[in-house]
Amino acid sequence: MVKLRRVIASLSLVAILSTLVGVTAFAGTYTDVPSTDWAYTAVEQLVDDGVLTAATNFRPTAQMQRDEAAKIVVLAVPLEGTVDPTKATFSDVPVGAWFHTYVEQAFAHGVVAGYKNAAGVSTGKYGPADKLTRGQYAKMVVEAFELTSYTPTTPTSNRIIRQSGAA
C-alpha cells in the first residue's frame, strides 16, 4: 500500500510539473503584449508561424527598423529563392549580419530597393537600423504580397478632406 501511494504521489507530481511546462512555454511569448491587448492574437500567430521569435519583450509601441521589417515580410509571405550568401547588394548590409539574407531576399523580389539620391539613383545603402515610416512599410507589404495598387479619384474619408483644406 505504501508503494502504491508513492507511485500515485509520483504520478501526481509528474502531472503537476507537466502542466507547469505548458505554462512556461506559453510564458515564452511577449510579456508586454497581454492577452487583453488588441494585437495579441496577431502577434501570437506570427510567433506560431515562425515569423517572430518569442522573447521577453515585443515592444509594441516602438518604431520598427528597416532590417526587422525585411525579416518580417520575407518570412510572412514567404519570399523564397536562393540569394548569394557572399554577396552584399548594399554597403551597409554586410555579409554575415543577422539581417543580410532577409534584406537580400527582399531585394531579389523587388520588395526593397534601398535609398536613392535626388536623381533617383541608388546610393548603395539600405539603412538597416533606420526607423521605418508607415509609407515605406506599406510599400513593402504591397510589393511582397503583390497587391494591386489603387488610387481613388476622390477622397474616401471626410478626415482626408478636412486635413487637405478642401470644403
Foldseek 3Di string as FASTA:
>chain_A
DVVVVVVVVVVVVVVVVVVVVVVVVVQLAEPVQDPPHPCVVVSVVCCVLVLDPRHHHPPVPDFDFQLNLLSNLCSVLPQDDDDDLCDAQAPVLHRPPPSRVSVRSLVVQVLDDADADPVRHHPSHRRRGDGDDPVSSVSSNCSSNVPDDDDDPDDPDVVVCVVVVHD
